Amino acid sequence: MLVELEIVPIGTASPSVSTPLAEVARLIDKSGLEYRVGPMGTVIEGDWDRVMALIKQCHQAMLASSARVLTTIRIDDRKDKPGGGRIIQKVQSLEAKVGHPLKR
């Protein structure tokens, strides 16, 4: 399954959120799950239990350093496409239909 994760700390002293999000990025990176960081969120690929446990860990880590946290997740789960590799295959499929590589 693919999950898009967005975590926003609310009430921080600075308008920049990269410093508090660095801890979340470290947790995702050391999880061993496949992921892609984007400018507005991170897509994570893995099974339900591991991904949800990671999301909980990330949310709690942000809550430890922020008074309020908004966490949004979107799930793409397909029975007909088991296994890994969808994080890359979805983009490749779109690029094939467009006819050239897209900006990433």
N, C-alpha and C. Protein backbone atom coordinates (compact mmCIF):
# COMPACT_ATOMS: atom_id res chain seq x y z
N MET A 1 0.84 -1.17 0.00
CA MET A 1 0.00 0.00 0.00
C MET A 1 0.89 1.23 0.00
N LEU A 2 0.36 2.29 -0.57
CA LEU A 2 1.04 3.59 -0.56
C LEU A 2 0.28 4.52 0.37
N VAL A 3 1.01 5.29 1.15
CA VAL A 3 0.41 6.27 2.04
C VAL A 3 1.13 7.59 1.86
N GLU A 4 0.35 8.64 1.63
CA GLU A 4 0.92 9.98 1.61
C GLU A 4 0.72 10.57 2.99
N LEU A 5 1.81 11.02 3.60
CA LEU A 5 1.80 11.54 4.96
C LEU A 5 2.19 13.02 4.94
N GLU A 6 1.36 13.82 5.59
CA GLU A 6 1.67 15.24 5.77
C GLU A 6 1.51 15.54 7.25
N ILE A 7 2.55 16.10 7.85
CA ILE A 7 2.50 16.48 9.27
C ILE A 7 2.84 17.96 9.36
N VAL A 8 1.97 18.71 10.03
CA VAL A 8 2.16 20.15 10.16
C VAL A 8 2.13 20.53 11.64
N PRO A 9 3.26 21.02 12.15
CA PRO A 9 3.25 21.53 13.52
C PRO A 9 2.56 22.90 13.53
N ILE A 10 1.71 23.12 14.51
CA ILE A 10 0.98 24.39 14.61
C ILE A 10 1.43 25.10 15.88
N GLY A 11 1.63 26.40 15.76
CA GLY A 11 2.01 27.19 16.92
C GLY A 11 3.50 27.23 17.17
N THR A 12 4.31 27.02 16.13
CA THR A 12 5.75 27.11 16.30
C THR A 12 6.18 28.57 16.23
N ALA A 13 7.34 28.88 16.78
CA ALA A 13 7.83 30.25 16.82
C ALA A 13 8.25 30.75 15.44
N SER A 14 8.64 29.85 14.57
CA SER A 14 9.13 30.23 13.25
C SER A 14 8.13 29.79 12.18
N PRO A 15 8.01 30.56 11.10
CA PRO A 15 7.13 30.12 10.01
C PRO A 15 7.70 28.93 9.24
N SER A 16 8.99 28.68 9.36
CA SER A 16 9.62 27.53 8.72
C SER A 16 9.36 26.28 9.55
N VAL A 17 9.01 25.18 8.88
CA VAL A 17 8.74 23.94 9.61
C VAL A 17 9.79 22.87 9.33
N SER A 18 10.84 23.20 8.57
CA SER A 18 11.83 22.18 8.22
C SER A 18 12.60 21.67 9.44
N THR A 19 12.86 22.51 10.40
CA THR A 19 13.60 22.05 11.59
C THR A 19 12.79 21.04 12.39
N PRO A 20 11.53 21.32 12.74
CA PRO A 20 10.79 20.28 13.47
C PRO A 20 10.51 19.04 12.62
N LEU A 21 10.38 19.20 11.31
CA LEU A 21 10.11 18.06 10.44
C LEU A 21 11.34 17.18 10.23
N ALA A 22 12.51 17.68 10.53
CA ALA A 22 13.73 16.90 10.35
C ALA A 22 13.70 15.62 11.20
N GLU A 23 13.14 15.71 12.40
CA GLU A 23 13.04 14.50 13.25
C GLU A 23 12.11 13.47 12.62
N VAL A 24 11.02 13.92 12.04
CA VAL A 24 10.09 13.01 11.35
C VAL A 24 10.80 12.36 10.16
N ALA A 25 11.55 13.15 9.40
CA ALA A 25 12.30 12.61 8.26
C ALA A 25 13.30 11.55 8.70
N ARG A 26 13.95 11.77 9.83
CA ARG A 26 14.90 10.78 10.35
C ARG A 26 14.19 9.47 10.70
N LEU A 27 13.03 9.58 11.32
CA LEU A 27 12.26 8.38 11.69
C LEU A 27 11.84 7.60 10.44
N ILE A 28 11.37 8.31 9.43
CA ILE A 28 10.96 7.65 8.18
C ILE A 28 12.16 7.00 7.52
N ASP A 29 13.27 7.70 7.48
CA ASP A 29 14.47 7.20 6.82
C ASP A 29 14.99 5.93 7.49
N LYS A 30 14.97 5.88 8.81
CA LYS A 30 15.52 4.70 9.50
C LYS A 30 14.50 3.57 9.63
N SER A 31 13.27 3.78 9.15
CA SER A 31 12.22 2.75 9.26
C SER A 31 12.49 1.53 8.37
N GLY A 32 13.26 1.72 7.31
CA GLY A 32 13.50 0.63 6.37
C GLY A 32 12.44 0.52 5.29
N LEU A 33 11.40 1.34 5.38
CA LEU A 33 10.35 1.34 4.37
C LEU A 33 10.77 2.21 3.19
N GLU A 34 10.25 1.88 2.02
CA GLU A 34 10.50 2.69 0.83
C GLU A 34 9.70 3.99 0.96
N TYR A 35 10.31 5.11 0.59
CA TYR A 35 9.62 6.40 0.70
C TYR A 35 10.17 7.38 -0.31
N ARG A 36 9.38 8.42 -0.59
CA ARG A 36 9.78 9.53 -1.43
C ARG A 36 9.32 10.81 -0.75
N VAL A 37 10.25 11.72 -0.52
CA VAL A 37 9.94 13.00 0.09
C VAL A 37 9.53 13.98 -1.00
N GLY A 38 8.46 14.71 -0.76
CA GLY A 38 8.01 15.76 -1.67
C GLY A 38 7.94 17.08 -0.91
N PRO A 39 7.68 18.16 -1.61
CA PRO A 39 7.66 19.46 -0.96
C PRO A 39 6.48 19.66 -0.01
N MET A 40 5.42 18.85 -0.16
CA MET A 40 4.23 19.01 0.66
C MET A 40 3.88 17.78 1.49
N GLY A 41 4.72 16.75 1.42
CA GLY A 41 4.45 15.53 2.15
C GLY A 41 5.38 14.42 1.71
N THR A 42 5.21 13.26 2.29
CA THR A 42 6.06 12.11 1.99
C THR A 42 5.17 10.91 1.66
N VAL A 43 5.53 10.17 0.60
CA VAL A 43 4.82 8.95 0.25
C VAL A 43 5.64 7.78 0.79
N ILE A 44 4.97 6.89 1.50
CA ILE A 44 5.61 5.73 2.13
C ILE A 44 4.93 4.48 1.58
N GLU A 45 5.74 3.45 1.29
CA GLU A 45 5.20 2.18 0.79
C GLU A 45 5.52 1.07 1.78
N GLY A 46 4.51 0.25 2.08
CA GLY A 46 4.72 -0.87 2.97
C GLY A 46 3.40 -1.49 3.39
N ASP A 47 3.47 -2.47 4.27
CA ASP A 47 2.24 -3.10 4.73
C ASP A 47 1.59 -2.25 5.82
N TRP A 48 0.30 -2.49 6.01
CA TRP A 48 -0.53 -1.67 6.90
C TRP A 48 0.09 -1.49 8.28
N ASP A 49 0.46 -2.57 8.94
CA ASP A 49 0.93 -2.48 10.32
C ASP A 49 2.21 -1.66 10.44
N ARG A 50 3.16 -1.89 9.55
CA ARG A 50 4.43 -1.14 9.63
C ARG A 50 4.25 0.33 9.30
N VAL A 51 3.44 0.63 8.28
CA VAL A 51 3.23 2.03 7.90
C VAL A 51 2.47 2.77 9.00
N MET A 52 1.42 2.16 9.52
CA MET A 52 0.62 2.83 10.56
C MET A 52 1.42 3.03 11.85
N ALA A 53 2.25 2.06 12.18
CA ALA A 53 3.11 2.21 13.36
C ALA A 53 4.09 3.37 13.16
N LEU A 54 4.62 3.49 11.95
CA LEU A 54 5.54 4.60 11.65
C LEU A 54 4.81 5.94 11.71
N ILE A 55 3.61 6.02 11.16
CA ILE A 55 2.84 7.26 11.20
C ILE A 55 2.58 7.67 12.64
N LYS A 56 2.21 6.72 13.48
CA LYS A 56 1.98 7.01 14.89
C LYS A 56 3.25 7.54 15.55
N GLN A 57 4.36 6.90 15.26
CA GLN A 57 5.65 7.32 15.82
C GLN A 57 5.98 8.74 15.37
N CYS A 58 5.77 9.05 14.10
CA CYS A 58 6.06 10.39 13.56
C CYS A 58 5.15 11.43 14.20
N HIS A 59 3.88 11.12 14.30
CA HIS A 59 2.91 12.05 14.91
C HIS A 59 3.29 12.35 16.36
N GLN A 60 3.61 11.30 17.10
CA GLN A 60 3.96 11.49 18.51
C GLN A 60 5.27 12.26 18.68
N ALA A 61 6.22 12.04 17.79
CA ALA A 61 7.48 12.78 17.85
C ALA A 61 7.24 14.27 17.61
N MET A 62 6.38 14.58 16.66
CA MET A 62 6.09 15.99 16.39
C MET A 62 5.30 16.60 17.55
N LEU A 63 4.39 15.84 18.13
CA LEU A 63 3.60 16.33 19.24
C LEU A 63 4.47 16.59 20.48
N ALA A 64 5.58 15.87 20.59
CA ALA A 64 6.50 16.09 21.71
C ALA A 64 7.18 17.45 21.63
N SER A 65 7.29 18.00 20.41
CA SER A 65 7.98 19.28 20.26
C SER A 65 7.06 20.41 19.82
N SER A 66 5.77 20.15 19.64
CA SER A 66 4.82 21.17 19.20
C SER A 66 3.55 21.08 20.05
N ALA A 67 2.94 22.22 20.29
CA ALA A 67 1.73 22.24 21.10
C ALA A 67 0.54 21.62 20.39
N ARG A 68 0.58 21.68 19.06
CA ARG A 68 -0.53 21.15 18.27
C ARG A 68 0.02 20.62 16.96
N VAL A 69 -0.54 19.51 16.47
CA VAL A 69 -0.05 18.87 15.25
C VAL A 69 -1.24 18.46 14.39
N LEU A 70 -1.15 18.77 13.11
CA LEU A 70 -2.15 18.33 12.15
C LEU A 70 -1.51 17.26 11.26
N THR A 71 -2.02 16.04 11.33
CA THR A 71 -1.48 14.93 10.54
C THR A 71 -2.56 14.47 9.57
N THR A 72 -2.17 14.43 8.29
CA THR A 72 -3.09 14.00 7.24
C THR A 72 -2.48 12.80 6.52
N ILE A 73 -3.30 11.76 6.33
CA ILE A 73 -2.82 10.60 5.56
C ILE A 73 -3.83 10.28 4.46
N ARG A 74 -3.29 9.88 3.31
CA ARG A 74 -4.10 9.38 2.19
C ARG A 74 -3.56 8.00 1.86
N ILE A 75 -4.46 7.04 1.70
CA ILE A 75 -4.06 5.65 1.50
C ILE A 75 -4.50 5.17 0.12
N ASP A 76 -3.57 4.54 -0.60
CA ASP A 76 -3.86 3.89 -1.86
C ASP A 76 -3.51 2.42 -1.67
N ASP A 77 -4.52 1.59 -1.56
CA ASP A 77 -4.34 0.17 -1.26
C ASP A 77 -5.03 -0.64 -2.35
N ARG A 78 -4.28 -1.47 -3.09
CA ARG A 78 -4.84 -2.24 -4.20
C ARG A 78 -4.66 -3.72 -3.97
N LYS A 79 -5.74 -4.47 -4.06
CA LYS A 79 -5.68 -5.92 -3.94
C LYS A 79 -5.03 -6.56 -5.16
N ASP A 80 -5.20 -5.93 -6.34
CA ASP A 80 -4.68 -6.52 -7.57
C ASP A 80 -3.21 -6.20 -7.83
N LYS A 81 -2.58 -5.43 -6.95
CA LYS A 81 -1.17 -5.07 -7.11
C LYS A 81 -0.42 -5.33 -5.80
N PRO A 82 -0.30 -6.61 -5.39
CA PRO A 82 0.40 -6.90 -4.14
C PRO A 82 1.91 -6.69 -4.29
N GLY A 83 2.57 -6.58 -3.17
CA GLY A 83 4.02 -6.44 -3.18
C GLY A 83 4.46 -5.00 -3.28
N GLY A 84 5.74 -4.82 -3.44
CA GLY A 84 6.32 -3.48 -3.46
C GLY A 84 6.53 -2.95 -4.86
N GLY A 85 7.16 -1.82 -4.90
CA GLY A 85 7.52 -1.22 -6.17
C GLY A 85 6.51 -0.25 -6.75
N ARG A 86 5.34 -0.13 -6.14
CA ARG A 86 4.31 0.77 -6.68
C ARG A 86 4.71 2.23 -6.57
N ILE A 87 5.56 2.54 -5.61
CA ILE A 87 5.98 3.93 -5.41
C ILE A 87 6.72 4.45 -6.66
N ILE A 88 7.36 3.56 -7.38
CA ILE A 88 8.06 3.90 -8.63
C ILE A 88 7.18 3.62 -9.83
N GLN A 89 6.47 2.50 -9.82
CA GLN A 89 5.66 2.07 -10.97
C GLN A 89 4.56 3.07 -11.32
N LYS A 90 3.95 3.70 -10.32
CA LYS A 90 2.88 4.65 -10.60
C LYS A 90 3.40 5.83 -11.42
N VAL A 91 4.56 6.32 -11.07
CA VAL A 91 5.14 7.45 -11.80
C VAL A 91 5.58 7.01 -13.20
N GLN A 92 6.20 5.83 -13.28
CA GLN A 92 6.63 5.33 -14.58
C GLN A 92 5.44 5.12 -15.52
N SER A 93 4.33 4.65 -15.01
CA SER A 93 3.13 4.45 -15.83
C SER A 93 2.63 5.78 -16.38
N LEU A 94 2.61 6.79 -15.55
CA LEU A 94 2.17 8.12 -15.99
C LEU A 94 3.13 8.69 -17.03
N GLU A 95 4.43 8.54 -16.78
CA GLU A 95 5.42 9.04 -17.74
C GLU A 95 5.29 8.33 -19.10
N ALA A 96 5.00 7.04 -19.09
CA ALA A 96 4.83 6.29 -20.34
C ALA A 96 3.65 6.85 -21.12
N LYS A 97 2.59 7.20 -20.43
CA LYS A 97 1.40 7.73 -21.10
C LYS A 97 1.64 9.16 -21.61
N VAL A 98 2.45 9.93 -20.89
CA VAL A 98 2.78 11.30 -21.31
C VAL A 98 3.78 11.26 -22.46
N GLY A 99 4.66 10.26 -22.43
CA GLY A 99 5.63 10.09 -23.50
C GLY A 99 7.02 10.61 -23.20
N HIS A 100 7.24 11.06 -21.98
CA HIS A 100 8.58 11.50 -21.58
C HIS A 100 8.63 11.62 -20.06
N PRO A 101 9.87 11.65 -19.52
CA PRO A 101 10.01 11.78 -18.07
C PRO A 101 9.43 13.10 -17.57
N LEU A 102 8.84 13.05 -16.39
CA LEU A 102 8.28 14.25 -15.76
C LEU A 102 9.23 14.73 -14.67
N LYS A 103 9.10 15.99 -14.31
CA LYS A 103 9.92 16.54 -13.24
C LYS A 103 9.56 15.89 -11.93
N ARG A 104 10.59 15.58 -11.14
CA ARG A 104 10.35 14.96 -9.83
C ARG A 104 11.01 15.77 -8.75
